[in-house]
Protein backbone atom coordinates (compact mmCIF):
# COMPACT_ATOMS: atom_id res chain seq x y z
CA MET A 1 -119.09 105.08 91.32
CA VAL A 2 -116.44 107.01 92.50
CA HIS A 3 -118.04 108.79 95.29
CA HIS A 4 -115.20 110.56 96.08
CA ARG A 5 -113.19 113.94 94.37
CA ILE A 6 -109.68 115.42 93.72
CA SER A 7 -109.52 119.45 93.05
CA VAL A 8 -107.03 121.30 93.60
CA GLY A 9 -106.99 125.28 95.05
CA ARG A 10 -105.13 128.03 95.09
CA ARG A 11 -103.96 131.24 96.94
CA LYS A 12 -101.51 133.24 97.29
CA THR A 13 -98.15 130.52 97.17
CA ALA A 14 -100.03 127.62 98.85
CA VAL A 15 -101.57 124.97 96.66
CA ALA A 16 -103.53 122.52 98.76
CA ARG A 17 -105.13 119.19 97.43
CA VAL A 18 -108.38 118.31 98.64
CA ILE A 19 -109.52 114.74 98.76
CA LEU A 20 -113.58 115.40 99.37
CA LYS A 21 -114.87 111.64 100.45
CA PRO A 22 -118.28 111.07 101.92
CA GLY A 23 -118.27 110.05 105.52
CA SER A 24 -118.78 111.81 109.11
CA GLY A 25 -116.54 115.95 108.55
CA GLU A 26 -113.75 115.42 109.64
CA ILE A 27 -111.40 117.29 107.96
CA LYS A 28 -107.42 116.79 108.02
CA ILE A 29 -104.61 119.00 106.20
CA ASN A 30 -101.65 117.16 106.26
CA ASP A 31 -102.41 114.78 108.14
CA ILE A 32 -103.89 117.13 111.26
CA ALA A 33 -106.97 117.68 112.88
CA LEU A 34 -108.44 121.21 111.10
CA GLU A 35 -108.81 122.89 114.87
CA LYS A 36 -105.16 121.33 115.52
CA TYR A 37 -103.75 123.24 112.34
CA PHE A 38 -105.81 126.54 112.14
CA PRO A 39 -106.20 127.59 115.56
CA ILE A 40 -107.42 130.69 115.19
CA GLU A 41 -111.27 130.95 114.40
CA THR A 42 -112.01 133.08 111.47
CA LEU A 43 -109.17 130.92 109.45
CA LYS A 44 -111.98 127.69 110.41
CA THR A 45 -114.55 129.49 109.49
CA ASP A 46 -112.62 130.36 106.00
CA VAL A 47 -111.83 126.69 105.71
CA LEU A 48 -115.58 125.99 106.30
CA LEU A 49 -117.53 128.51 104.44
CA PRO A 50 -118.64 126.44 101.61
CA PHE A 51 -119.55 123.44 103.32
CA THR A 52 -121.84 126.38 105.90
CA VAL A 53 -123.15 127.83 102.73
CA THR A 54 -124.52 124.20 100.95
CA GLU A 55 -125.65 123.13 104.51
CA LEU A 56 -123.23 119.91 103.90
CA LEU A 57 -121.52 120.99 107.19
CA GLY A 58 -120.93 117.27 108.75
CA LYS A 59 -121.65 115.31 105.35
CA TYR A 60 -118.05 114.84 103.08
CA ASP A 61 -114.63 114.11 104.87
CA VAL A 62 -111.98 116.26 103.58
CA ASP A 63 -107.72 115.45 102.51
CA ALA A 64 -106.02 118.43 102.22
CA ILE A 65 -102.51 118.69 101.14
CA VAL A 66 -101.53 121.62 101.22
CA ASN A 67 -97.79 123.24 100.45
CA GLY A 68 -96.83 126.93 100.25
CA GLY A 69 -97.27 129.74 102.31
CA GLY A 70 -98.86 131.35 105.20
CA SER A 71 -101.68 130.33 107.35
CA SER A 72 -104.54 133.18 105.63
CA GLY A 73 -103.18 131.70 101.85
CA GLN A 74 -103.17 127.86 102.86
CA ALA A 75 -107.36 128.26 104.36
CA GLY A 76 -107.90 130.58 101.28
CA ALA A 77 -106.70 127.60 99.43
CA VAL A 78 -108.07 124.63 101.19
CA LYS A 79 -111.27 126.71 100.91
CA LEU A 80 -111.24 127.09 97.35
CA GLY A 81 -110.22 123.31 96.92
CA ILE A 82 -113.61 121.95 99.40
CA SER A 83 -115.53 124.53 96.50
CA ARG A 84 -114.50 122.63 93.40
CA ALA A 85 -114.35 119.40 94.95
CA LEU A 86 -118.41 120.43 95.65
CA VAL A 87 -118.95 121.54 92.47
CA ASP A 88 -117.50 118.06 90.43
CA LEU A 89 -119.64 116.52 92.91
CA ASN A 90 -122.62 117.92 92.76
CA ASN A 91 -123.37 120.77 89.47
CA ASP A 92 -126.52 122.01 91.50
CA LEU A 93 -124.73 123.41 94.35
CA ARG A 94 -122.22 125.93 91.90
CA GLY A 95 -124.89 128.86 91.71
CA LYS A 96 -125.11 129.33 95.89
CA LEU A 97 -120.89 128.69 95.77
CA ARG A 98 -120.44 131.40 92.87
CA GLU A 99 -123.28 133.64 94.71
CA HIS A 100 -120.47 134.27 97.89
CA ASP A 101 -117.21 133.70 95.55
CA LEU A 102 -116.51 130.89 96.53
CA LEU A 103 -115.50 129.68 93.14
CA THR A 104 -113.05 132.46 92.03
CA ARG A 105 -109.49 131.81 92.05
CA ASP A 106 -108.13 135.24 93.64
CA SER A 107 -105.39 136.15 91.29
CA ARG A 108 -104.05 138.71 94.08
CA MET A 109 -100.23 138.27 94.63
CA VAL A 110 -97.23 140.08 95.90
CA GLU A 111 -95.96 142.32 94.27
CA ARG A 112 -92.05 142.22 94.25
CA LYS A 113 -89.16 143.98 95.18
CA LYS A 114 -87.65 146.63 93.26
CA TYR A 115 -83.80 147.54 93.69
CA GLY A 116 -83.57 151.07 94.87
CA GLN A 117 -86.07 150.40 97.01
CA ARG A 118 -87.11 149.70 100.67
CA LYS A 119 -89.82 147.42 99.72
CA ALA A 120 -92.05 146.72 97.04
CA ARG A 121 -93.61 150.83 97.05
CA LYS A 122 -91.94 151.97 100.05
CA ARG A 123 -88.78 153.74 98.73
CA PHE A 124 -85.56 155.15 101.39
CA GLN A 125 -85.70 158.23 102.98
CA PHE A 126 -85.35 161.37 100.64
CA SER A 127 -82.71 163.99 101.49
CA LYS A 128 -82.30 166.74 99.71
CA ARG A 129 -78.92 167.53 101.19
């Protein structure tokens, strides 16, 4: 029986491939320790949220490969990947994770810039004369 799970998490334009295996709680993202990769405390807690909610902190090792997006999108992608992998390992955790909204893919994307405008919705300054 295979004890590790591979799952994918996405957020904005970031894609995370997460490998979850039983271990001592070591978390590596792109072969860099979690503390180094996400120095901002809120992003670290975001990534660890699935473990905190399920009370499995320190029980699994995480190896994640993340591409695209910025740091917040990448943290969200890893979080979703970990949540999905945990559900793959133990379906009983689904309720707890669902309760904290950790299995929902955040579908919000950046709206594209339109022509004749400064940004997606911001217009150029209007001049009557």
